[in-house]
Each structure stands twice: as structure tokens, then as C-alpha cells.
Amino acid sequence: MVIQVTYRRTRRLSMRIVKNGDVHVSAPIGMPKKEVERFIEEHREWIAEARKKTYESQKRRADFYNQLPLKTREQADDALRRLKALIEPMVESHSKEMGVKPSAVHYKAMISRWGVCNVRDKSICFSAYLLLLPEWCVEHVVVHELCHLLEASHNARFHALMDKFFPRWKEARRETRQICKMEGDEVKA
């Protein structure tokens, strides 16, 4: 375990555990090193518990994604075929309904996002791991990315579009997070 101390313009000491289990401490500029060390020592139990939770979260995350093997060319090709068969009809149907058309639809094995919309070139990329979700949750992601062709940011207008074109979007998002069991570390749409 590595403990990294960074001095910042802050009023108080704080610490967090990063994904690899290291401890990052933020301390006010000018705070004596002894005070920072005492803070770390007083929080040893918290550090141990937080590192354990981080490890468990990372294990759950790996177990979730390992359900879809993509190691061989054959596995990747099979996933791509199934993904296209699932997503392309949804894109076509919702594009017509919404009056939008993506310039291109791509697929990648992304683990940090379910989908990405490039508003400049109007292309959309979907994660191969959508295959691990129920169809209605996948449809939520499709509508979410298509809505970005109408509104780039996640503002009130965007949420109104989601309400209009996929009224159960909040429920689908909740279900997706529950499936992944990664609250606070969830994949973003």
C-alpha cells in the first residue's frame, strides 16, 4: 500500500482510497508533516476497511465483466454479431421516432461507459458489455445516446427528452446499477 500526501489549497485533511488500494491524502498547504502522519495513524482502521471495500468492489466489477468472454477473435465476433442484432433495430426505431440519425454506430468493449455519443460528428459507440443487461436496460442506453443528438449535456432539456422518449429511464438506470452492484463505481451512460 502506498500513501500519497498532496498539499493543496484546502481547509482540512481528507483521504480516499483509489482503485488500486493506495491511500491519497490531501492536506492544507503548510500543515506540519507530523500532523498529517498523526491523522493517517488515527485512521488506520478506516483505511483497512475502506481498502477491503475497494477490493471487494473491484472483484465484483471484474466478475461482472468476465461474464462476457471477449478474449478470442471468435468470442469478439460472436459478441459483435449479437450486439448488432440487439441494438440496430432499437437505433432504427427510436431514430425515426425522435427525428435523429447517427452518422455511424460503433461497438467497443468499454467498461467505463455503456455508450458514448460524439455530438460533433453525430456518431455513437456502444459497449459490448450491454449484452450483460436486460433488453429494456439496453434500450434505455440507446435512447440516452440518441437524445444526445438533440441535447449534448445532461441538463433539464435532456431529462425532458428522456422522459418523453423513454419514460422508464430512471427505473432502467436503477436496475442497471443494481445488476452491476457497483454503486458509486457504476458505468456511465
N, C-alpha and C. Protein backbone atom coordinates (compact mmCIF):
# COMPACT_ATOMS: atom_id res chain seq x y z
N MET A 1 0.85 -1.19 0.00
CA MET A 1 0.00 0.00 0.00
C MET A 1 0.89 1.24 0.00
N VAL A 2 0.55 2.16 -0.88
CA VAL A 2 1.27 3.42 -0.97
C VAL A 2 0.39 4.52 -0.39
N ILE A 3 0.98 5.37 0.44
CA ILE A 3 0.26 6.53 0.95
C ILE A 3 0.86 7.76 0.30
N GLN A 4 0.03 8.45 -0.47
CA GLN A 4 0.49 9.65 -1.19
C GLN A 4 -0.14 10.88 -0.54
N VAL A 5 0.70 11.80 -0.11
CA VAL A 5 0.22 13.04 0.50
C VAL A 5 0.41 14.17 -0.49
N THR A 6 -0.66 14.92 -0.72
CA THR A 6 -0.61 16.08 -1.61
C THR A 6 -1.05 17.30 -0.82
N TYR A 7 -0.25 18.34 -0.89
CA TYR A 7 -0.61 19.60 -0.21
C TYR A 7 -1.37 20.48 -1.20
N ARG A 8 -2.54 20.94 -0.76
CA ARG A 8 -3.44 21.72 -1.63
C ARG A 8 -3.99 22.92 -0.88
N ARG A 9 -4.66 23.74 -1.63
CA ARG A 9 -5.40 24.86 -1.03
C ARG A 9 -6.71 24.30 -0.51
N THR A 10 -6.68 23.79 0.67
CA THR A 10 -7.85 23.21 1.30
C THR A 10 -7.82 23.57 2.77
N ARG A 11 -8.95 23.48 3.43
CA ARG A 11 -9.03 23.86 4.84
C ARG A 11 -8.79 22.70 5.79
N ARG A 12 -9.01 21.48 5.29
CA ARG A 12 -8.91 20.35 6.21
C ARG A 12 -8.23 19.16 5.54
N LEU A 13 -7.83 18.23 6.36
CA LEU A 13 -7.25 16.98 5.88
C LEU A 13 -8.36 16.07 5.37
N SER A 14 -8.06 15.33 4.33
CA SER A 14 -9.01 14.33 3.84
C SER A 14 -8.22 13.20 3.19
N MET A 15 -8.85 12.06 3.07
CA MET A 15 -8.18 10.95 2.39
C MET A 15 -9.21 10.11 1.67
N ARG A 16 -8.71 9.40 0.66
CA ARG A 16 -9.56 8.48 -0.09
C ARG A 16 -8.72 7.31 -0.55
N ILE A 17 -9.40 6.23 -0.83
CA ILE A 17 -8.74 5.04 -1.33
C ILE A 17 -9.00 4.99 -2.83
N VAL A 18 -7.95 4.86 -3.61
CA VAL A 18 -8.10 4.77 -5.06
C VAL A 18 -8.23 3.30 -5.47
N LYS A 19 -8.58 3.07 -6.73
CA LYS A 19 -8.92 1.73 -7.19
C LYS A 19 -7.85 0.67 -6.94
N ASN A 20 -6.59 1.05 -6.98
CA ASN A 20 -5.53 0.06 -6.76
C ASN A 20 -5.26 -0.18 -5.27
N GLY A 21 -6.00 0.50 -4.38
CA GLY A 21 -5.86 0.31 -2.95
C GLY A 21 -4.94 1.30 -2.27
N ASP A 22 -4.29 2.16 -3.04
CA ASP A 22 -3.43 3.18 -2.44
C ASP A 22 -4.27 4.23 -1.72
N VAL A 23 -3.62 4.93 -0.78
CA VAL A 23 -4.29 5.95 0.00
C VAL A 23 -3.80 7.32 -0.49
N HIS A 24 -4.73 8.17 -0.86
CA HIS A 24 -4.39 9.54 -1.27
C HIS A 24 -4.88 10.50 -0.19
N VAL A 25 -3.95 11.25 0.38
CA VAL A 25 -4.26 12.20 1.44
C VAL A 25 -4.09 13.61 0.90
N SER A 26 -5.08 14.46 1.13
CA SER A 26 -4.98 15.88 0.78
C SER A 26 -4.84 16.66 2.08
N ALA A 27 -3.83 17.51 2.12
CA ALA A 27 -3.56 18.29 3.33
C ALA A 27 -3.43 19.77 2.97
N PRO A 28 -3.82 20.65 3.89
CA PRO A 28 -3.66 22.08 3.63
C PRO A 28 -2.17 22.45 3.47
N ILE A 29 -1.91 23.34 2.55
CA ILE A 29 -0.54 23.82 2.36
C ILE A 29 -0.02 24.38 3.69
N GLY A 30 1.17 23.98 4.06
CA GLY A 30 1.79 24.48 5.28
C GLY A 30 1.52 23.65 6.51
N MET A 31 0.65 22.65 6.42
CA MET A 31 0.38 21.81 7.59
C MET A 31 1.63 20.99 7.91
N PRO A 32 2.01 20.92 9.18
CA PRO A 32 3.20 20.14 9.55
C PRO A 32 3.04 18.66 9.21
N LYS A 33 4.14 18.06 8.77
CA LYS A 33 4.16 16.64 8.40
C LYS A 33 3.70 15.75 9.56
N LYS A 34 4.09 16.10 10.77
CA LYS A 34 3.71 15.31 11.96
C LYS A 34 2.19 15.24 12.12
N GLU A 35 1.53 16.35 11.85
CA GLU A 35 0.07 16.40 11.98
C GLU A 35 -0.59 15.49 10.93
N VAL A 36 -0.04 15.50 9.72
CA VAL A 36 -0.55 14.63 8.65
C VAL A 36 -0.33 13.17 9.03
N GLU A 37 0.84 12.85 9.54
CA GLU A 37 1.15 11.47 9.95
C GLU A 37 0.22 11.01 11.07
N ARG A 38 -0.06 11.90 12.03
CA ARG A 38 -0.97 11.56 13.13
C ARG A 38 -2.38 11.27 12.58
N PHE A 39 -2.82 12.09 11.65
CA PHE A 39 -4.12 11.90 11.01
C PHE A 39 -4.20 10.52 10.35
N ILE A 40 -3.17 10.16 9.63
CA ILE A 40 -3.14 8.86 8.95
C ILE A 40 -3.16 7.74 9.99
N GLU A 41 -2.36 7.87 11.03
CA GLU A 41 -2.29 6.84 12.06
C GLU A 41 -3.63 6.67 12.78
N GLU A 42 -4.30 7.79 13.07
CA GLU A 42 -5.61 7.74 13.75
C GLU A 42 -6.69 7.07 12.88
N HIS A 43 -6.44 7.00 11.60
CA HIS A 43 -7.45 6.45 10.68
C HIS A 43 -7.03 5.11 10.08
N ARG A 44 -6.12 4.40 10.73
CA ARG A 44 -5.65 3.10 10.22
C ARG A 44 -6.79 2.10 10.04
N GLU A 45 -7.70 2.06 11.01
CA GLU A 45 -8.83 1.12 10.90
C GLU A 45 -9.71 1.48 9.72
N TRP A 46 -9.98 2.78 9.57
CA TRP A 46 -10.80 3.23 8.43
C TRP A 46 -10.12 2.87 7.12
N ILE A 47 -8.81 3.07 7.04
CA ILE A 47 -8.05 2.74 5.83
C ILE A 47 -8.18 1.26 5.50
N ALA A 48 -8.01 0.41 6.50
CA ALA A 48 -8.10 -1.04 6.28
C ALA A 48 -9.48 -1.43 5.78
N GLU A 49 -10.52 -0.89 6.41
CA GLU A 49 -11.89 -1.21 6.00
C GLU A 49 -12.19 -0.67 4.60
N ALA A 50 -11.76 0.55 4.33
CA ALA A 50 -12.00 1.15 3.01
C ALA A 50 -11.25 0.40 1.91
N ARG A 51 -10.04 -0.04 2.20
CA ARG A 51 -9.27 -0.82 1.22
C ARG A 51 -9.96 -2.15 0.95
N LYS A 52 -10.51 -2.76 2.00
CA LYS A 52 -11.23 -4.04 1.84
C LYS A 52 -12.46 -3.83 0.95
N LYS A 53 -13.21 -2.76 1.19
CA LYS A 53 -14.40 -2.47 0.38
C LYS A 53 -14.02 -2.18 -1.07
N THR A 54 -12.91 -1.47 -1.26
CA THR A 54 -12.45 -1.17 -2.61
C THR A 54 -12.08 -2.46 -3.34
N TYR A 55 -11.38 -3.35 -2.65
CA TYR A 55 -11.00 -4.63 -3.24
C TYR A 55 -12.25 -5.43 -3.62
N GLU A 56 -13.23 -5.48 -2.72
CA GLU A 56 -14.46 -6.23 -2.98
C GLU A 56 -15.21 -5.64 -4.17
N SER A 57 -15.26 -4.32 -4.24
CA SER A 57 -15.92 -3.64 -5.35
C SER A 57 -15.22 -3.97 -6.67
N GLN A 58 -13.90 -3.94 -6.67
CA GLN A 58 -13.15 -4.27 -7.88
C GLN A 58 -13.36 -5.73 -8.28
N LYS A 59 -13.47 -6.60 -7.30
CA LYS A 59 -13.71 -8.03 -7.60
C LYS A 59 -15.09 -8.22 -8.21
N ARG A 60 -16.11 -7.56 -7.62
CA ARG A 60 -17.47 -7.64 -8.18
C ARG A 60 -17.48 -7.12 -9.61
N ARG A 61 -16.77 -6.02 -9.82
CA ARG A 61 -16.70 -5.41 -11.15
C ARG A 61 -16.08 -6.39 -12.15
N ALA A 62 -14.96 -7.00 -11.77
CA ALA A 62 -14.29 -7.96 -12.65
C ALA A 62 -15.18 -9.17 -12.91
N ASP A 63 -15.82 -9.68 -11.86
CA ASP A 63 -16.72 -10.84 -12.01
C ASP A 63 -17.85 -10.51 -12.98
N PHE A 64 -18.39 -9.30 -12.87
CA PHE A 64 -19.49 -8.90 -13.76
C PHE A 64 -19.02 -8.91 -15.21
N TYR A 65 -17.93 -8.23 -15.51
CA TYR A 65 -17.46 -8.14 -16.89
C TYR A 65 -16.94 -9.45 -17.44
N ASN A 66 -16.41 -10.31 -16.57
CA ASN A 66 -15.90 -11.61 -17.03
C ASN A 66 -17.01 -12.55 -17.46
N GLN A 67 -18.26 -12.18 -17.23
CA GLN A 67 -19.37 -13.00 -17.70
C GLN A 67 -19.45 -13.01 -19.23
N LEU A 68 -18.86 -12.00 -19.86
CA LEU A 68 -18.85 -11.92 -21.32
C LEU A 68 -17.41 -12.11 -21.80
N PRO A 69 -17.07 -13.33 -22.20
CA PRO A 69 -15.70 -13.56 -22.65
C PRO A 69 -15.45 -12.90 -24.01
N LEU A 70 -14.38 -12.13 -24.08
CA LEU A 70 -14.01 -11.44 -25.33
C LEU A 70 -12.53 -11.63 -25.63
N LYS A 71 -11.97 -12.73 -25.16
CA LYS A 71 -10.52 -12.93 -25.28
C LYS A 71 -10.10 -13.40 -26.67
N THR A 72 -10.92 -14.19 -27.32
CA THR A 72 -10.53 -14.69 -28.65
C THR A 72 -11.27 -13.91 -29.74
N ARG A 73 -10.76 -14.00 -30.93
CA ARG A 73 -11.39 -13.34 -32.10
C ARG A 73 -12.81 -13.88 -32.29
N GLU A 74 -12.96 -15.18 -32.12
CA GLU A 74 -14.27 -15.82 -32.28
C GLU A 74 -15.28 -15.28 -31.26
N GLN A 75 -14.85 -15.14 -30.01
CA GLN A 75 -15.73 -14.60 -28.96
C GLN A 75 -16.12 -13.15 -29.26
N ALA A 76 -15.15 -12.36 -29.70
CA ALA A 76 -15.42 -10.95 -30.02
C ALA A 76 -16.37 -10.84 -31.21
N ASP A 77 -16.17 -11.67 -32.22
CA ASP A 77 -17.04 -11.64 -33.41
C ASP A 77 -18.46 -12.05 -33.05
N ASP A 78 -18.58 -13.07 -32.20
CA ASP A 78 -19.90 -13.52 -31.76
C ASP A 78 -20.61 -12.43 -30.97
N ALA A 79 -19.88 -11.77 -30.08
CA ALA A 79 -20.47 -10.68 -29.28
C ALA A 79 -20.91 -9.54 -30.20
N LEU A 80 -20.09 -9.19 -31.18
CA LEU A 80 -20.43 -8.11 -32.10
C LEU A 80 -21.69 -8.45 -32.89
N ARG A 81 -21.78 -9.69 -33.36
CA ARG A 81 -22.97 -10.12 -34.11
C ARG A 81 -24.23 -10.01 -33.25
N ARG A 82 -24.15 -10.49 -32.01
CA ARG A 82 -25.30 -10.44 -31.11
C ARG A 82 -25.65 -9.00 -30.73
N LEU A 83 -24.63 -8.18 -30.54
CA LEU A 83 -24.83 -6.77 -30.17
C LEU A 83 -25.53 -6.02 -31.29
N LYS A 84 -25.07 -6.21 -32.52
CA LYS A 84 -25.69 -5.55 -33.67
C LYS A 84 -27.15 -5.99 -33.82
N ALA A 85 -27.39 -7.28 -33.66
CA ALA A 85 -28.76 -7.80 -33.78
C ALA A 85 -29.68 -7.21 -32.72
N LEU A 86 -29.14 -6.90 -31.55
CA LEU A 86 -29.91 -6.32 -30.46
C LEU A 86 -30.10 -4.81 -30.64
N ILE A 87 -29.03 -4.11 -30.94
CA ILE A 87 -29.05 -2.65 -30.91
C ILE A 87 -29.53 -2.00 -32.20
N GLU A 88 -29.17 -2.52 -33.34
CA GLU A 88 -29.52 -1.85 -34.60
C GLU A 88 -31.02 -1.63 -34.78
N PRO A 89 -31.87 -2.63 -34.47
CA PRO A 89 -33.32 -2.36 -34.59
C PRO A 89 -33.79 -1.26 -33.62
N MET A 90 -33.20 -1.22 -32.44
CA MET A 90 -33.56 -0.17 -31.47
C MET A 90 -33.16 1.21 -31.99
N VAL A 91 -31.95 1.31 -32.52
CA VAL A 91 -31.47 2.58 -33.06
C VAL A 91 -32.38 3.03 -34.19
N GLU A 92 -32.70 2.12 -35.08
CA GLU A 92 -33.55 2.46 -36.23
C GLU A 92 -34.92 2.94 -35.79
N SER A 93 -35.54 2.20 -34.90
CA SER A 93 -36.88 2.53 -34.42
C SER A 93 -36.91 3.87 -33.68
N HIS A 94 -36.01 4.04 -32.72
CA HIS A 94 -36.01 5.25 -31.91
C HIS A 94 -35.51 6.46 -32.71
N SER A 95 -34.62 6.24 -33.67
CA SER A 95 -34.16 7.36 -34.51
C SER A 95 -35.33 7.96 -35.27
N LYS A 96 -36.16 7.10 -35.83
CA LYS A 96 -37.34 7.59 -36.57
C LYS A 96 -38.27 8.36 -35.65
N GLU A 97 -38.56 7.78 -34.50
CA GLU A 97 -39.46 8.40 -33.54
C GLU A 97 -38.93 9.76 -33.08
N MET A 98 -37.62 9.86 -32.89
CA MET A 98 -37.01 11.07 -32.34
C MET A 98 -36.60 12.08 -33.40
N GLY A 99 -36.60 11.66 -34.66
CA GLY A 99 -36.21 12.57 -35.73
C GLY A 99 -34.71 12.84 -35.77
N VAL A 100 -33.91 11.83 -35.42
CA VAL A 100 -32.45 11.96 -35.45
C VAL A 100 -31.87 10.78 -36.21
N LYS A 101 -30.64 10.93 -36.65
CA LYS A 101 -29.96 9.81 -37.30
C LYS A 101 -28.47 9.92 -37.01
N PRO A 102 -27.93 8.92 -36.30
CA PRO A 102 -26.48 8.95 -36.06
C PRO A 102 -25.73 8.75 -37.38
N SER A 103 -24.59 9.41 -37.50
CA SER A 103 -23.79 9.27 -38.72
C SER A 103 -23.17 7.88 -38.80
N ALA A 104 -22.88 7.31 -37.64
CA ALA A 104 -22.29 5.96 -37.58
C ALA A 104 -22.56 5.38 -36.20
N VAL A 105 -22.62 4.06 -36.14
CA VAL A 105 -22.77 3.35 -34.87
C VAL A 105 -21.60 2.38 -34.76
N HIS A 106 -20.85 2.50 -33.67
CA HIS A 106 -19.68 1.65 -33.43
C HIS A 106 -19.90 0.83 -32.17
N TYR A 107 -19.09 -0.21 -32.03
CA TYR A 107 -19.16 -1.07 -30.85
C TYR A 107 -17.74 -1.32 -30.35
N LYS A 108 -17.58 -1.23 -29.01
CA LYS A 108 -16.28 -1.44 -28.38
C LYS A 108 -16.49 -2.11 -27.03
N ALA A 109 -15.47 -2.77 -26.54
CA ALA A 109 -15.54 -3.40 -25.22
C ALA A 109 -15.18 -2.36 -24.16
N MET A 110 -16.05 -1.38 -23.96
CA MET A 110 -15.83 -0.32 -22.97
C MET A 110 -16.35 -0.77 -21.62
N ILE A 111 -15.56 -0.53 -20.57
CA ILE A 111 -16.04 -0.89 -19.23
C ILE A 111 -16.37 0.35 -18.39
N SER A 112 -16.04 1.51 -18.89
CA SER A 112 -16.33 2.71 -18.10
C SER A 112 -17.63 3.39 -18.52
N ARG A 113 -18.15 3.02 -19.68
CA ARG A 113 -19.40 3.62 -20.18
C ARG A 113 -20.19 2.58 -20.95
N TRP A 114 -21.50 2.72 -20.89
CA TRP A 114 -22.37 1.84 -21.69
C TRP A 114 -22.45 2.36 -23.11
N GLY A 115 -22.36 3.66 -23.26
CA GLY A 115 -22.42 4.25 -24.59
C GLY A 115 -21.82 5.63 -24.58
N VAL A 116 -21.42 6.09 -25.76
CA VAL A 116 -20.84 7.42 -25.92
C VAL A 116 -21.37 8.02 -27.20
N CYS A 117 -21.78 9.28 -27.13
CA CYS A 117 -22.22 9.99 -28.32
C CYS A 117 -21.23 11.11 -28.61
N ASN A 118 -20.69 11.11 -29.79
CA ASN A 118 -19.82 12.21 -30.23
C ASN A 118 -20.73 13.21 -30.93
N VAL A 119 -21.06 14.30 -30.24
CA VAL A 119 -22.03 15.25 -30.79
C VAL A 119 -21.48 16.01 -31.99
N ARG A 120 -20.15 16.12 -32.11
CA ARG A 120 -19.58 16.84 -33.25
C ARG A 120 -19.80 16.09 -34.55
N ASP A 121 -19.48 14.79 -34.55
CA ASP A 121 -19.67 14.04 -35.80
C ASP A 121 -20.94 13.18 -35.79
N LYS A 122 -21.72 13.28 -34.71
CA LYS A 122 -23.01 12.59 -34.57
C LYS A 122 -22.89 11.05 -34.62
N SER A 123 -21.75 10.54 -34.17
CA SER A 123 -21.58 9.09 -34.11
C SER A 123 -21.83 8.60 -32.69
N ILE A 124 -22.21 7.34 -32.59
CA ILE A 124 -22.50 6.73 -31.30
C ILE A 124 -21.70 5.44 -31.20
N CYS A 125 -21.17 5.19 -30.01
CA CYS A 125 -20.44 3.95 -29.74
C CYS A 125 -21.10 3.27 -28.54
N PHE A 126 -21.36 1.97 -28.67
CA PHE A 126 -21.98 1.21 -27.60
C PHE A 126 -21.00 0.17 -27.07
N SER A 127 -21.08 -0.10 -25.78
CA SER A 127 -20.22 -1.09 -25.14
C SER A 127 -20.73 -2.50 -25.43
N ALA A 128 -19.79 -3.39 -25.72
CA ALA A 128 -20.14 -4.80 -25.94
C ALA A 128 -20.77 -5.40 -24.68
N TYR A 129 -20.46 -4.83 -23.52
CA TYR A 129 -20.97 -5.37 -22.26
C TYR A 129 -22.45 -5.09 -22.05
N LEU A 130 -23.07 -4.35 -22.96
CA LEU A 130 -24.52 -4.20 -22.90
C LEU A 130 -25.21 -5.56 -23.01
N LEU A 131 -24.52 -6.52 -23.60
CA LEU A 131 -25.08 -7.87 -23.71
C LEU A 131 -25.35 -8.50 -22.35
N LEU A 132 -24.78 -7.95 -21.30
CA LEU A 132 -24.98 -8.48 -19.95
C LEU A 132 -26.22 -7.91 -19.26
N LEU A 133 -26.89 -6.97 -19.92
CA LEU A 133 -28.05 -6.30 -19.34
C LEU A 133 -29.35 -6.79 -19.95
N PRO A 134 -30.47 -6.63 -19.23
CA PRO A 134 -31.78 -6.94 -19.82
C PRO A 134 -32.04 -6.00 -21.00
N GLU A 135 -32.83 -6.46 -21.93
CA GLU A 135 -33.09 -5.71 -23.16
C GLU A 135 -33.63 -4.31 -22.89
N TRP A 136 -34.52 -4.17 -21.91
CA TRP A 136 -35.10 -2.84 -21.67
C TRP A 136 -34.07 -1.87 -21.10
N CYS A 137 -33.06 -2.38 -20.42
CA CYS A 137 -31.97 -1.52 -19.93
C CYS A 137 -31.06 -1.11 -21.09
N VAL A 138 -30.86 -2.01 -22.04
CA VAL A 138 -30.10 -1.68 -23.24
C VAL A 138 -30.83 -0.60 -24.03
N GLU A 139 -32.14 -0.74 -24.13
CA GLU A 139 -32.94 0.25 -24.85
C GLU A 139 -32.82 1.63 -24.21
N HIS A 140 -32.75 1.66 -22.88
CA HIS A 140 -32.54 2.92 -22.16
C HIS A 140 -31.24 3.59 -22.61
N VAL A 141 -30.17 2.80 -22.74
CA VAL A 141 -28.87 3.34 -23.17
C VAL A 141 -28.96 3.86 -24.61
N VAL A 142 -29.64 3.11 -25.47
CA VAL A 142 -29.80 3.53 -26.87
C VAL A 142 -30.51 4.88 -26.93
N VAL A 143 -31.63 5.01 -26.22
CA VAL A 143 -32.38 6.26 -26.22
C VAL A 143 -31.54 7.38 -25.60
N HIS A 144 -30.81 7.08 -24.54
CA HIS A 144 -29.95 8.06 -23.89
C HIS A 144 -28.95 8.65 -24.90
N GLU A 145 -28.28 7.78 -25.63
CA GLU A 145 -27.28 8.27 -26.59
C GLU A 145 -27.93 9.01 -27.75
N LEU A 146 -29.08 8.55 -28.21
CA LEU A 146 -29.79 9.27 -29.28
C LEU A 146 -30.26 10.64 -28.81
N CYS A 147 -30.65 10.76 -27.55
CA CYS A 147 -31.06 12.06 -27.00
C CYS A 147 -29.90 13.06 -27.05
N HIS A 148 -28.68 12.54 -26.95
CA HIS A 148 -27.52 13.44 -27.04
C HIS A 148 -27.39 14.07 -28.42
N LEU A 149 -28.01 13.49 -29.42
CA LEU A 149 -28.01 14.11 -30.75
C LEU A 149 -28.93 15.33 -30.77
N LEU A 150 -29.84 15.40 -29.80
CA LEU A 150 -30.75 16.54 -29.67
C LEU A 150 -30.27 17.52 -28.60
N GLU A 151 -29.60 17.01 -27.58
CA GLU A 151 -29.11 17.84 -26.48
C GLU A 151 -27.81 17.23 -25.95
N ALA A 152 -26.72 17.98 -26.07
CA ALA A 152 -25.40 17.44 -25.73
C ALA A 152 -25.20 17.17 -24.24
N SER A 153 -25.72 18.04 -23.39
CA SER A 153 -25.44 17.88 -21.95
C SER A 153 -26.60 17.20 -21.22
N HIS A 154 -26.36 16.88 -19.96
CA HIS A 154 -27.38 16.24 -19.13
C HIS A 154 -28.15 17.30 -18.35
N ASN A 155 -28.74 18.23 -19.05
CA ASN A 155 -29.48 19.32 -18.41
C ASN A 155 -30.98 18.99 -18.35
N ALA A 156 -31.78 19.96 -17.95
CA ALA A 156 -33.23 19.75 -17.81
C ALA A 156 -33.86 19.37 -19.15
N ARG A 157 -33.40 19.99 -20.23
CA ARG A 157 -33.95 19.65 -21.56
C ARG A 157 -33.66 18.19 -21.90
N PHE A 158 -32.44 17.74 -21.62
CA PHE A 158 -32.08 16.35 -21.88
C PHE A 158 -33.00 15.40 -21.10
N HIS A 159 -33.18 15.69 -19.81
CA HIS A 159 -34.04 14.83 -18.98
C HIS A 159 -35.49 14.86 -19.47
N ALA A 160 -35.95 16.00 -19.96
CA ALA A 160 -37.31 16.08 -20.53
C ALA A 160 -37.41 15.21 -21.78
N LEU A 161 -36.36 15.19 -22.59
CA LEU A 161 -36.34 14.33 -23.78
C LEU A 161 -36.37 12.86 -23.38
N MET A 162 -35.61 12.51 -22.36
CA MET A 162 -35.62 11.13 -21.86
C MET A 162 -37.01 10.76 -21.35
N ASP A 163 -37.63 11.67 -20.60
CA ASP A 163 -38.99 11.43 -20.11
C ASP A 163 -39.95 11.19 -21.26
N LYS A 164 -39.78 11.93 -22.32
CA LYS A 164 -40.67 11.82 -23.48
C LYS A 164 -40.45 10.52 -24.25
N PHE A 165 -39.18 10.19 -24.53
CA PHE A 165 -38.89 9.06 -25.41
C PHE A 165 -38.66 7.73 -24.70
N PHE A 166 -38.38 7.76 -23.40
CA PHE A 166 -38.22 6.53 -22.62
C PHE A 166 -38.61 6.82 -21.18
N PRO A 167 -39.91 6.91 -20.91
CA PRO A 167 -40.40 7.33 -19.59
C PRO A 167 -39.85 6.52 -18.41
N ARG A 168 -39.48 5.28 -18.63
CA ARG A 168 -38.97 4.44 -17.53
C ARG A 168 -37.45 4.52 -17.39
N TRP A 169 -36.84 5.59 -17.87
CA TRP A 169 -35.37 5.66 -17.89
C TRP A 169 -34.76 5.63 -16.50
N LYS A 170 -35.40 6.27 -15.54
CA LYS A 170 -34.83 6.27 -14.18
C LYS A 170 -34.85 4.87 -13.59
N GLU A 171 -35.93 4.16 -13.83
CA GLU A 171 -36.06 2.79 -13.35
C GLU A 171 -35.03 1.88 -14.04
N ALA A 172 -34.83 2.08 -15.33
CA ALA A 172 -33.84 1.29 -16.08
C ALA A 172 -32.43 1.56 -15.57
N ARG A 173 -32.14 2.82 -15.29
CA ARG A 173 -30.82 3.19 -14.77
C ARG A 173 -30.59 2.53 -13.40
N ARG A 174 -31.62 2.56 -12.56
CA ARG A 174 -31.53 1.94 -11.23
C ARG A 174 -31.30 0.43 -11.37
N GLU A 175 -32.05 -0.19 -12.26
CA GLU A 175 -31.93 -1.64 -12.49
C GLU A 175 -30.52 -1.99 -12.98
N THR A 176 -30.00 -1.19 -13.89
CA THR A 176 -28.65 -1.43 -14.42
C THR A 176 -27.62 -1.34 -13.31
N ARG A 177 -27.74 -0.34 -12.47
CA ARG A 177 -26.80 -0.19 -11.35
C ARG A 177 -26.90 -1.36 -10.38
N GLN A 178 -28.12 -1.84 -10.17
CA GLN A 178 -28.32 -2.97 -9.26
C GLN A 178 -27.67 -4.23 -9.84
N ILE A 179 -27.82 -4.43 -11.13
CA ILE A 179 -27.24 -5.60 -11.79
C ILE A 179 -25.73 -5.58 -11.65
N CYS A 180 -25.15 -4.43 -11.84
CA CYS A 180 -23.68 -4.31 -11.77
C CYS A 180 -23.17 -4.34 -10.35
N LYS A 181 -24.04 -4.02 -9.38
CA LYS A 181 -23.66 -3.97 -7.96
C LYS A 181 -22.40 -3.13 -7.76
N MET A 182 -22.39 -1.98 -8.41
CA MET A 182 -21.22 -1.10 -8.31
C MET A 182 -21.66 0.30 -7.92
N GLU A 183 -22.55 0.42 -6.98
CA GLU A 183 -22.99 1.75 -6.56
C GLU A 183 -21.78 2.61 -6.23
N GLY A 184 -21.75 3.79 -6.77
CA GLY A 184 -20.64 4.68 -6.55
C GLY A 184 -19.48 4.40 -7.50
N ASP A 185 -19.53 3.27 -8.20
CA ASP A 185 -18.48 2.93 -9.12
C ASP A 185 -19.12 2.42 -10.41
N GLU A 186 -20.32 2.93 -10.70
CA GLU A 186 -21.06 2.39 -11.81
C GLU A 186 -20.54 2.88 -13.15
N VAL A 187 -20.89 2.15 -14.16
CA VAL A 187 -20.57 2.53 -15.52
C VAL A 187 -21.57 3.60 -15.93
N LYS A 188 -21.11 4.58 -16.64
CA LYS A 188 -21.96 5.69 -17.03
C LYS A 188 -22.49 5.52 -18.44
N ALA A 189 -23.69 6.04 -18.62
CA ALA A 189 -24.28 6.00 -19.97
C ALA A 189 -23.79 7.18 -20.76
